[in-house]
Amino acid sequence: MRSAARQSRLPSRRRRAFTLLEILLALALLGLLATLLVGGAGRLLEGRGRSAEEIFWKAATEARRYALLRGQDVRLAYDGEAKAFVASTREGTQRFPVPVKGELLIDFLGAGTSGGATVLIGGSLIETQPLPFVTFYADGTCSAFRVQLRQSRAGEPRFLQIDPWTCAPVLSGAASPGGRG
């Protein structure tokens, strides 16, 4: 009698477990849903407009990468009429359009806080002697410069400070190694 009782219990245990095929099918469906979710999120991010600052960083990154890979200097300038960053080498140019509505003023400035001539417009100190271009060198460094972005002539300027050794943004408000901010 015990053997008959055991045999009746064994099949019931097997019926309660998932088979390998069911587990693989569930994992495949989860993978498909994850792929659709990631793809949809990517399309949502692409659909939003890119800011002038994002386009600048893309242009600067590409200019530096090209200079490093090709072993030649790259000049980066901003064309205000075409609203585009222009990277130039001996071999040609590449444009990075900035799709913004209205007026957009972008200037490259020397690395000093106010090394050029400045003028006070609408309560904001604006530098009036911009650099015509900045250079990304073949060794991975770049000109010491800042970027001044304004939405209009009287608009409040935003500044991006660029580290000449890494061509990356200088973090504002970071504590220095000596303990002073």
N, C-alpha and C. Protein backbone atom coordinates (compact mmCIF):
# COMPACT_ATOMS: atom_id res chain seq x y z
N MET A 1 0.79 -1.19 0.00
CA MET A 1 0.00 0.00 0.00
C MET A 1 0.83 1.25 0.00
N ARG A 2 1.96 1.12 0.64
CA ARG A 2 2.81 2.31 0.65
C ARG A 2 3.32 2.65 -0.75
N SER A 3 3.65 1.67 -1.51
CA SER A 3 4.16 1.95 -2.85
C SER A 3 3.08 2.59 -3.73
N ALA A 4 1.84 2.21 -3.58
CA ALA A 4 0.75 2.82 -4.35
C ALA A 4 0.55 4.27 -3.93
N ALA A 5 0.70 4.55 -2.65
CA ALA A 5 0.56 5.92 -2.15
C ALA A 5 1.69 6.80 -2.67
N ARG A 6 2.89 6.25 -2.71
CA ARG A 6 4.03 7.01 -3.26
C ARG A 6 3.84 7.32 -4.72
N GLN A 7 3.38 6.39 -5.48
CA GLN A 7 3.20 6.60 -6.91
C GLN A 7 2.13 7.66 -7.18
N SER A 8 1.13 7.71 -6.35
CA SER A 8 0.10 8.72 -6.57
C SER A 8 0.59 10.12 -6.19
N ARG A 9 1.55 10.21 -5.28
CA ARG A 9 2.09 11.52 -4.90
C ARG A 9 3.10 12.05 -5.92
N LEU A 10 3.90 11.24 -6.48
CA LEU A 10 4.95 11.68 -7.40
C LEU A 10 4.41 12.45 -8.61
N PRO A 11 3.42 11.96 -9.31
CA PRO A 11 2.94 12.72 -10.46
C PRO A 11 2.38 14.08 -10.07
N SER A 12 1.79 14.19 -8.88
CA SER A 12 1.23 15.48 -8.49
C SER A 12 2.34 16.51 -8.26
N ARG A 13 3.50 16.06 -7.75
CA ARG A 13 4.62 16.99 -7.58
C ARG A 13 5.14 17.47 -8.93
N ARG A 14 5.23 16.63 -9.88
CA ARG A 14 5.72 17.01 -11.20
C ARG A 14 4.78 18.00 -11.87
N ARG A 15 3.53 17.90 -11.63
CA ARG A 15 2.57 18.80 -12.27
C ARG A 15 2.67 20.21 -11.71
N ARG A 16 3.13 20.37 -10.47
CA ARG A 16 3.20 21.69 -9.86
C ARG A 16 4.44 22.47 -10.27
N ALA A 17 5.44 21.87 -10.78
CA ALA A 17 6.69 22.55 -11.16
C ALA A 17 6.60 23.07 -12.59
N PHE A 18 7.42 24.12 -12.90
CA PHE A 18 7.49 24.64 -14.26
C PHE A 18 8.48 23.80 -15.06
N THR A 19 8.19 23.63 -16.31
CA THR A 19 9.12 22.91 -17.17
C THR A 19 10.18 23.88 -17.68
N LEU A 20 11.26 23.34 -18.17
CA LEU A 20 12.33 24.17 -18.73
C LEU A 20 11.82 25.01 -19.89
N LEU A 21 10.96 24.44 -20.70
CA LEU A 21 10.39 25.16 -21.84
C LEU A 21 9.56 26.36 -21.37
N GLU A 22 8.78 26.20 -20.32
CA GLU A 22 7.97 27.31 -19.81
C GLU A 22 8.86 28.43 -19.24
N ILE A 23 9.92 28.05 -18.57
CA ILE A 23 10.85 29.06 -18.01
C ILE A 23 11.53 29.82 -19.13
N LEU A 24 12.01 29.14 -20.15
CA LEU A 24 12.67 29.81 -21.28
C LEU A 24 11.71 30.72 -22.03
N LEU A 25 10.46 30.28 -22.19
CA LEU A 25 9.46 31.11 -22.85
C LEU A 25 9.19 32.39 -22.05
N ALA A 26 9.09 32.26 -20.73
CA ALA A 26 8.87 33.43 -19.88
C ALA A 26 10.06 34.40 -19.97
N LEU A 27 11.28 33.88 -19.97
CA LEU A 27 12.47 34.75 -20.10
C LEU A 27 12.51 35.44 -21.45
N ALA A 28 12.14 34.73 -22.50
CA ALA A 28 12.12 35.34 -23.83
C ALA A 28 11.11 36.48 -23.89
N LEU A 29 9.94 36.27 -23.30
CA LEU A 29 8.93 37.34 -23.28
C LEU A 29 9.39 38.54 -22.47
N LEU A 30 10.04 38.31 -21.35
CA LEU A 30 10.58 39.42 -20.56
C LEU A 30 11.66 40.17 -21.33
N GLY A 31 12.50 39.45 -22.04
CA GLY A 31 13.53 40.11 -22.87
C GLY A 31 12.92 40.95 -23.96
N LEU A 32 11.87 40.46 -24.60
CA LEU A 32 11.18 41.21 -25.65
C LEU A 32 10.55 42.48 -25.09
N LEU A 33 9.90 42.38 -23.95
CA LEU A 33 9.30 43.56 -23.32
C LEU A 33 10.36 44.57 -22.91
N ALA A 34 11.48 44.11 -22.38
CA ALA A 34 12.57 45.02 -22.00
C ALA A 34 13.13 45.74 -23.22
N THR A 35 13.28 45.03 -24.33
CA THR A 35 13.78 45.65 -25.57
C THR A 35 12.83 46.73 -26.05
N LEU A 36 11.54 46.44 -26.03
CA LEU A 36 10.56 47.44 -26.46
C LEU A 36 10.57 48.66 -25.54
N LEU A 37 10.71 48.44 -24.25
CA LEU A 37 10.73 49.54 -23.30
C LEU A 37 11.96 50.42 -23.50
N VAL A 38 13.12 49.83 -23.66
CA VAL A 38 14.36 50.60 -23.86
C VAL A 38 14.30 51.37 -25.19
N GLY A 39 13.81 50.71 -26.24
CA GLY A 39 13.70 51.38 -27.53
C GLY A 39 12.74 52.56 -27.49
N GLY A 40 11.62 52.38 -26.80
CA GLY A 40 10.65 53.47 -26.67
C GLY A 40 11.20 54.63 -25.87
N ALA A 41 11.94 54.35 -24.82
CA ALA A 41 12.54 55.42 -24.02
C ALA A 41 13.57 56.17 -24.84
N GLY A 42 14.34 55.47 -25.66
CA GLY A 42 15.32 56.13 -26.52
C GLY A 42 14.66 57.06 -27.51
N ARG A 43 13.54 56.62 -28.10
CA ARG A 43 12.83 57.48 -29.04
C ARG A 43 12.25 58.71 -28.35
N LEU A 44 11.80 58.57 -27.11
CA LEU A 44 11.29 59.72 -26.37
C LEU A 44 12.39 60.74 -26.13
N LEU A 45 13.58 60.27 -25.76
CA LEU A 45 14.69 61.18 -25.51
C LEU A 45 15.15 61.86 -26.79
N GLU A 46 15.14 61.13 -27.92
CA GLU A 46 15.53 61.73 -29.19
C GLU A 46 14.53 62.78 -29.64
N GLY A 47 13.26 62.59 -29.28
CA GLY A 47 12.22 63.51 -29.71
C GLY A 47 12.31 64.88 -29.08
N ARG A 48 12.90 64.97 -27.89
CA ARG A 48 13.00 66.28 -27.26
C ARG A 48 14.11 67.08 -27.93
N GLY A 49 13.97 68.39 -27.93
CA GLY A 49 14.97 69.25 -28.55
C GLY A 49 16.27 69.25 -27.77
N ARG A 50 17.36 69.37 -28.49
CA ARG A 50 18.66 69.45 -27.84
C ARG A 50 18.99 70.91 -27.58
N SER A 51 19.62 71.16 -26.45
CA SER A 51 19.97 72.53 -26.10
C SER A 51 21.28 72.92 -26.79
N ALA A 52 21.54 74.21 -26.83
CA ALA A 52 22.78 74.71 -27.42
C ALA A 52 23.99 74.16 -26.66
N GLU A 53 23.84 74.01 -25.35
CA GLU A 53 24.93 73.48 -24.54
C GLU A 53 25.24 72.02 -24.90
N GLU A 54 24.19 71.22 -25.12
CA GLU A 54 24.40 69.82 -25.52
C GLU A 54 25.08 69.73 -26.88
N ILE A 55 24.67 70.58 -27.81
CA ILE A 55 25.28 70.58 -29.15
C ILE A 55 26.74 71.01 -29.04
N PHE A 56 27.04 72.01 -28.19
CA PHE A 56 28.43 72.42 -28.01
C PHE A 56 29.27 71.25 -27.51
N TRP A 57 28.79 70.53 -26.49
CA TRP A 57 29.58 69.41 -25.95
C TRP A 57 29.76 68.31 -26.98
N LYS A 58 28.75 68.09 -27.81
CA LYS A 58 28.91 67.10 -28.88
C LYS A 58 29.98 67.55 -29.87
N ALA A 59 29.94 68.82 -30.28
CA ALA A 59 30.92 69.35 -31.22
C ALA A 59 32.33 69.31 -30.62
N ALA A 60 32.46 69.69 -29.34
CA ALA A 60 33.77 69.69 -28.69
C ALA A 60 34.32 68.27 -28.57
N THR A 61 33.46 67.32 -28.22
CA THR A 61 33.89 65.92 -28.09
C THR A 61 34.34 65.37 -29.43
N GLU A 62 33.58 65.64 -30.48
CA GLU A 62 33.94 65.16 -31.82
C GLU A 62 35.23 65.81 -32.31
N ALA A 63 35.39 67.12 -32.05
CA ALA A 63 36.61 67.82 -32.47
C ALA A 63 37.84 67.23 -31.76
N ARG A 64 37.73 67.00 -30.48
CA ARG A 64 38.85 66.42 -29.72
C ARG A 64 39.15 65.00 -30.21
N ARG A 65 38.11 64.20 -30.41
CA ARG A 65 38.30 62.83 -30.88
C ARG A 65 39.00 62.81 -32.25
N TYR A 66 38.56 63.69 -33.15
CA TYR A 66 39.16 63.75 -34.48
C TYR A 66 40.63 64.16 -34.38
N ALA A 67 40.91 65.16 -33.52
CA ALA A 67 42.30 65.61 -33.36
C ALA A 67 43.18 64.49 -32.83
N LEU A 68 42.69 63.73 -31.89
CA LEU A 68 43.46 62.61 -31.33
C LEU A 68 43.67 61.50 -32.35
N LEU A 69 42.61 61.12 -33.07
CA LEU A 69 42.70 60.00 -34.01
C LEU A 69 43.52 60.33 -35.25
N ARG A 70 43.38 61.54 -35.75
CA ARG A 70 44.08 61.94 -36.98
C ARG A 70 45.43 62.60 -36.74
N GLY A 71 45.70 62.97 -35.50
CA GLY A 71 46.98 63.62 -35.20
C GLY A 71 47.12 65.01 -35.78
N GLN A 72 46.01 65.73 -35.90
CA GLN A 72 46.07 67.09 -36.41
C GLN A 72 45.13 68.00 -35.63
N ASP A 73 45.45 69.28 -35.61
CA ASP A 73 44.65 70.25 -34.86
C ASP A 73 43.30 70.48 -35.53
N VAL A 74 42.29 70.73 -34.69
CA VAL A 74 40.94 71.01 -35.17
C VAL A 74 40.52 72.35 -34.59
N ARG A 75 40.03 73.23 -35.45
CA ARG A 75 39.52 74.53 -35.01
C ARG A 75 38.01 74.45 -34.91
N LEU A 76 37.48 74.93 -33.77
CA LEU A 76 36.04 74.95 -33.56
C LEU A 76 35.60 76.40 -33.44
N ALA A 77 34.62 76.78 -34.25
CA ALA A 77 34.08 78.14 -34.23
C ALA A 77 32.56 78.05 -34.20
N TYR A 78 31.91 79.18 -33.92
CA TYR A 78 30.46 79.24 -33.96
C TYR A 78 30.04 80.21 -35.05
N ASP A 79 29.22 79.75 -35.98
CA ASP A 79 28.69 80.58 -37.06
C ASP A 79 27.31 81.07 -36.63
N GLY A 80 27.22 82.35 -36.23
CA GLY A 80 25.98 82.91 -35.73
C GLY A 80 24.89 83.02 -36.79
N GLU A 81 25.27 83.23 -38.04
CA GLU A 81 24.28 83.34 -39.11
C GLU A 81 23.60 82.00 -39.37
N ALA A 82 24.40 80.93 -39.41
CA ALA A 82 23.86 79.60 -39.68
C ALA A 82 23.42 78.88 -38.41
N LYS A 83 23.70 79.47 -37.24
CA LYS A 83 23.43 78.85 -35.95
C LYS A 83 24.00 77.42 -35.92
N ALA A 84 25.32 77.35 -36.09
CA ALA A 84 25.98 76.04 -36.11
C ALA A 84 27.41 76.17 -35.63
N PHE A 85 27.89 75.14 -34.92
CA PHE A 85 29.29 75.02 -34.60
C PHE A 85 29.98 74.42 -35.81
N VAL A 86 31.17 74.93 -36.14
CA VAL A 86 31.89 74.47 -37.32
C VAL A 86 33.27 73.99 -36.88
N ALA A 87 33.55 72.70 -37.11
CA ALA A 87 34.86 72.12 -36.83
C ALA A 87 35.63 72.05 -38.14
N SER A 88 36.83 72.65 -38.18
CA SER A 88 37.61 72.73 -39.42
C SER A 88 38.99 72.11 -39.26
N THR A 89 39.41 71.39 -40.29
CA THR A 89 40.77 70.85 -40.39
C THR A 89 41.27 71.13 -41.80
N ARG A 90 42.48 70.67 -42.11
CA ARG A 90 43.00 70.80 -43.48
C ARG A 90 42.16 69.98 -44.45
N GLU A 91 41.54 68.93 -43.96
CA GLU A 91 40.79 68.01 -44.82
C GLU A 91 39.36 68.47 -45.11
N GLY A 92 38.83 69.37 -44.30
CA GLY A 92 37.46 69.81 -44.52
C GLY A 92 36.81 70.31 -43.24
N THR A 93 35.48 70.45 -43.30
CA THR A 93 34.73 70.96 -42.15
C THR A 93 33.54 70.05 -41.84
N GLN A 94 33.11 70.13 -40.60
CA GLN A 94 31.88 69.45 -40.18
C GLN A 94 31.06 70.45 -39.40
N ARG A 95 29.76 70.47 -39.69
CA ARG A 95 28.86 71.41 -39.02
C ARG A 95 28.00 70.68 -37.99
N PHE A 96 27.73 71.39 -36.89
CA PHE A 96 26.85 70.89 -35.83
C PHE A 96 25.77 71.94 -35.62
N PRO A 97 24.65 71.84 -36.35
CA PRO A 97 23.59 72.86 -36.25
C PRO A 97 22.94 72.88 -34.86
N VAL A 98 22.57 74.07 -34.43
CA VAL A 98 21.90 74.26 -33.15
C VAL A 98 20.46 74.67 -33.46
N PRO A 99 19.50 73.73 -33.37
CA PRO A 99 18.12 74.04 -33.75
C PRO A 99 17.35 74.73 -32.62
N VAL A 100 17.52 76.03 -32.50
CA VAL A 100 16.79 76.80 -31.50
C VAL A 100 16.00 77.89 -32.20
N LYS A 101 14.89 78.25 -31.57
CA LYS A 101 14.08 79.33 -32.11
C LYS A 101 14.55 80.64 -31.51
N GLY A 102 14.46 81.69 -32.28
CA GLY A 102 14.84 83.00 -31.79
C GLY A 102 16.35 83.24 -31.88
N GLU A 103 16.76 84.30 -31.22
CA GLU A 103 18.16 84.71 -31.26
C GLU A 103 18.99 83.85 -30.32
N LEU A 104 20.19 83.50 -30.75
CA LEU A 104 21.13 82.74 -29.93
C LEU A 104 22.52 83.31 -30.16
N LEU A 105 23.16 83.73 -29.09
CA LEU A 105 24.50 84.29 -29.18
C LEU A 105 25.46 83.41 -28.39
N ILE A 106 26.47 82.90 -29.07
CA ILE A 106 27.48 82.05 -28.44
C ILE A 106 28.84 82.63 -28.77
N ASP A 107 29.63 82.88 -27.72
CA ASP A 107 30.97 83.42 -27.91
C ASP A 107 31.97 82.55 -27.17
N PHE A 108 33.15 82.39 -27.79
CA PHE A 108 34.29 81.76 -27.12
C PHE A 108 35.11 82.88 -26.51
N LEU A 109 35.43 82.76 -25.23
CA LEU A 109 36.16 83.80 -24.51
C LEU A 109 37.45 83.22 -23.97
N GLY A 110 38.42 84.10 -23.71
CA GLY A 110 39.66 83.65 -23.08
C GLY A 110 39.39 83.06 -21.70
N ALA A 111 40.34 82.34 -21.16
CA ALA A 111 40.12 81.64 -19.90
C ALA A 111 40.05 82.56 -18.69
N GLY A 112 40.58 83.77 -18.78
CA GLY A 112 40.53 84.71 -17.65
C GLY A 112 39.10 85.13 -17.37
N THR A 113 38.84 85.57 -16.15
CA THR A 113 37.47 85.93 -15.79
C THR A 113 36.97 87.15 -16.53
N SER A 114 37.82 88.10 -16.78
CA SER A 114 37.41 89.26 -17.59
C SER A 114 38.65 89.85 -18.26
N GLY A 115 39.32 89.04 -19.04
CA GLY A 115 40.55 89.48 -19.70
C GLY A 115 40.31 90.47 -20.82
N GLY A 116 39.14 90.43 -21.46
CA GLY A 116 38.84 91.33 -22.55
C GLY A 116 38.03 92.51 -22.08
N ALA A 117 37.53 93.28 -23.04
CA ALA A 117 36.69 94.42 -22.72
C ALA A 117 35.30 93.93 -22.34
N THR A 118 34.70 94.54 -21.34
CA THR A 118 33.37 94.16 -20.90
C THR A 118 32.44 95.36 -20.95
N VAL A 119 31.15 95.10 -21.04
CA VAL A 119 30.15 96.14 -21.04
C VAL A 119 28.97 95.64 -20.19
N LEU A 120 28.35 96.56 -19.48
CA LEU A 120 27.21 96.23 -18.64
C LEU A 120 25.93 96.44 -19.45
N ILE A 121 25.20 95.34 -19.70
CA ILE A 121 23.95 95.42 -20.47
C ILE A 121 22.85 94.82 -19.62
N GLY A 122 21.87 95.64 -19.29
CA GLY A 122 20.72 95.15 -18.52
C GLY A 122 21.11 94.52 -17.20
N GLY A 123 22.16 95.02 -16.55
CA GLY A 123 22.59 94.48 -15.28
C GLY A 123 23.50 93.27 -15.38
N SER A 124 23.85 92.86 -16.61
CA SER A 124 24.73 91.71 -16.81
C SER A 124 26.02 92.17 -17.45
N LEU A 125 27.13 91.69 -16.93
CA LEU A 125 28.44 92.01 -17.48
C LEU A 125 28.71 91.10 -18.66
N ILE A 126 28.84 91.67 -19.86
CA ILE A 126 29.02 90.91 -21.09
C ILE A 126 30.41 91.23 -21.66
N GLU A 127 31.15 90.19 -22.03
CA GLU A 127 32.46 90.41 -22.65
C GLU A 127 32.27 90.69 -24.13
N THR A 128 33.02 91.65 -24.63
CA THR A 128 32.83 92.11 -26.01
C THR A 128 33.96 91.73 -26.94
N GLN A 129 34.99 91.04 -26.46
CA GLN A 129 36.10 90.64 -27.33
C GLN A 129 36.22 89.12 -27.35
N PRO A 130 35.34 88.46 -28.10
CA PRO A 130 35.39 87.00 -28.14
C PRO A 130 36.54 86.51 -29.01
N LEU A 131 36.89 85.24 -28.83
CA LEU A 131 37.88 84.58 -29.67
C LEU A 131 37.18 84.13 -30.95
N PRO A 132 37.85 84.23 -32.11
CA PRO A 132 37.20 83.78 -33.35
C PRO A 132 37.01 82.26 -33.40
N PHE A 133 37.88 81.51 -32.73
CA PHE A 133 37.79 80.05 -32.70
C PHE A 133 38.62 79.53 -31.55
N VAL A 134 38.43 78.27 -31.23
CA VAL A 134 39.27 77.58 -30.25
C VAL A 134 39.89 76.38 -30.96
N THR A 135 40.99 75.90 -30.43
CA THR A 135 41.71 74.81 -31.08
C THR A 135 41.77 73.59 -30.18
N PHE A 136 41.51 72.44 -30.78
CA PHE A 136 41.70 71.15 -30.12
C PHE A 136 42.95 70.54 -30.75
N TYR A 137 43.94 70.27 -29.91
CA TYR A 137 45.25 69.83 -30.39
C TYR A 137 45.34 68.31 -30.48
N ALA A 138 46.31 67.85 -31.26
CA ALA A 138 46.50 66.43 -31.52
C ALA A 138 46.89 65.64 -30.27
N ASP A 139 47.38 66.32 -29.22
CA ASP A 139 47.77 65.62 -28.00
C ASP A 139 46.61 65.46 -27.01
N GLY A 140 45.39 65.89 -27.39
CA GLY A 140 44.22 65.74 -26.53
C GLY A 140 43.89 66.96 -25.69
N THR A 141 44.70 68.00 -25.77
CA THR A 141 44.42 69.23 -25.03
C THR A 141 43.68 70.21 -25.94
N CYS A 142 43.31 71.36 -25.38
CA CYS A 142 42.63 72.38 -26.17
C CYS A 142 43.02 73.76 -25.66
N SER A 143 42.61 74.76 -26.40
CA SER A 143 42.82 76.14 -25.96
C SER A 143 42.16 76.34 -24.61
N ALA A 144 42.72 77.22 -23.80
CA ALA A 144 42.08 77.59 -22.53
C ALA A 144 40.98 78.59 -22.88
N PHE A 145 39.73 78.19 -22.68
CA PHE A 145 38.63 79.08 -23.06
C PHE A 145 37.40 78.83 -22.22
N ARG A 146 36.45 79.77 -22.36
CA ARG A 146 35.12 79.67 -21.77
C ARG A 146 34.12 79.88 -22.89
N VAL A 147 32.91 79.41 -22.68
CA VAL A 147 31.84 79.62 -23.64
C VAL A 147 30.78 80.48 -22.97
N GLN A 148 30.35 81.53 -23.68
CA GLN A 148 29.28 82.41 -23.19
C GLN A 148 28.06 82.18 -24.07
N LEU A 149 26.95 81.76 -23.46
CA LEU A 149 25.71 81.49 -24.18
C LEU A 149 24.66 82.48 -23.73
N ARG A 150 23.97 83.12 -24.70
CA ARG A 150 22.88 84.05 -24.38
C ARG A 150 21.74 83.84 -25.36
N GLN A 151 20.50 83.94 -24.86
CA GLN A 151 19.32 83.79 -25.72
C GLN A 151 19.01 85.08 -26.49
N SER A 152 19.48 86.21 -26.01
CA SER A 152 19.29 87.49 -26.70
C SER A 152 20.41 88.42 -26.29
N ARG A 153 20.52 89.56 -26.95
CA ARG A 153 21.60 90.51 -26.64
C ARG A 153 21.51 91.01 -25.20
N ALA A 154 20.30 91.17 -24.69
CA ALA A 154 20.13 91.65 -23.32
C ALA A 154 19.91 90.49 -22.34
N GLY A 155 19.99 89.26 -22.82
CA GLY A 155 19.72 88.10 -21.97
C GLY A 155 20.86 87.81 -21.00
N GLU A 156 20.51 87.12 -19.95
CA GLU A 156 21.48 86.72 -18.92
C GLU A 156 22.43 85.67 -19.52
N PRO A 157 23.74 85.91 -19.46
CA PRO A 157 24.67 84.93 -20.05
C PRO A 157 24.90 83.73 -19.12
N ARG A 158 25.12 82.58 -19.73
CA ARG A 158 25.57 81.37 -19.03
C ARG A 158 26.99 81.11 -19.49
N PHE A 159 27.85 80.73 -18.56
CA PHE A 159 29.25 80.48 -18.89
C PHE A 159 29.59 79.01 -18.66
N LEU A 160 30.36 78.46 -19.57
CA LEU A 160 30.92 77.13 -19.41
C LEU A 160 32.43 77.28 -19.40
N GLN A 161 33.06 76.89 -18.33
CA GLN A 161 34.52 76.95 -18.21
C GLN A 161 35.08 75.60 -18.67
N ILE A 162 36.06 75.61 -19.55
CA ILE A 162 36.62 74.40 -20.14
C ILE A 162 38.03 74.19 -19.61
N ASP A 163 38.32 72.97 -19.14
CA ASP A 163 39.66 72.62 -18.68
C ASP A 163 40.54 72.36 -19.91
N PRO A 164 41.64 73.09 -20.07
CA PRO A 164 42.46 72.92 -21.28
C PRO A 164 43.19 71.58 -21.36
N TRP A 165 43.35 70.88 -20.26
CA TRP A 165 44.09 69.60 -20.29
C TRP A 165 43.18 68.44 -20.68
N THR A 166 41.93 68.47 -20.23
CA THR A 166 41.02 67.36 -20.52
C THR A 166 39.91 67.75 -21.49
N CYS A 167 39.75 69.04 -21.76
CA CYS A 167 38.67 69.57 -22.61
C CYS A 167 37.30 69.22 -22.04
N ALA A 168 37.22 69.08 -20.75
CA ALA A 168 35.98 68.76 -20.04
C ALA A 168 35.54 69.99 -19.26
N PRO A 169 34.29 70.00 -18.80
CA PRO A 169 33.84 71.17 -18.04
C PRO A 169 34.55 71.26 -16.69
N VAL A 170 34.82 72.49 -16.28
CA VAL A 170 35.38 72.75 -14.96
C VAL A 170 34.19 72.85 -14.02
N LEU A 171 34.20 72.06 -12.97
CA LEU A 171 33.09 72.06 -12.03
C LEU A 171 33.18 73.29 -11.14
N SER A 172 32.11 74.04 -11.07
CA SER A 172 32.11 75.24 -10.25
C SER A 172 31.77 74.88 -8.81
N GLY A 173 32.37 75.56 -7.87
CA GLY A 173 32.08 75.33 -6.47
C GLY A 173 32.77 74.12 -5.87
N ALA A 174 33.64 73.46 -6.63
CA ALA A 174 34.34 72.29 -6.08
C ALA A 174 35.47 72.77 -5.18
N ALA A 175 35.68 72.05 -4.10
CA ALA A 175 36.73 72.42 -3.16
C ALA A 175 38.10 72.11 -3.77
N SER A 176 39.03 72.99 -3.55
CA SER A 176 40.38 72.77 -4.05
C SER A 176 41.14 71.86 -3.10
N PRO A 177 42.29 71.29 -3.55
CA PRO A 177 43.04 70.40 -2.67
C PRO A 177 43.52 71.07 -1.38
N GLY A 178 43.68 72.37 -1.40
CA GLY A 178 44.14 73.08 -0.21
C GLY A 178 43.03 73.31 0.80
N GLY A 179 41.79 72.92 0.47
CA GLY A 179 40.70 73.07 1.40
C GLY A 179 39.87 74.31 1.17
N ARG A 180 40.29 75.20 0.28
CA ARG A 180 39.52 76.40 -0.03
C ARG A 180 38.66 76.15 -1.25
N GLY A 181 37.44 76.69 -1.26
CA GLY A 181 36.48 76.45 -2.34
C GLY A 181 36.66 77.31 -3.52
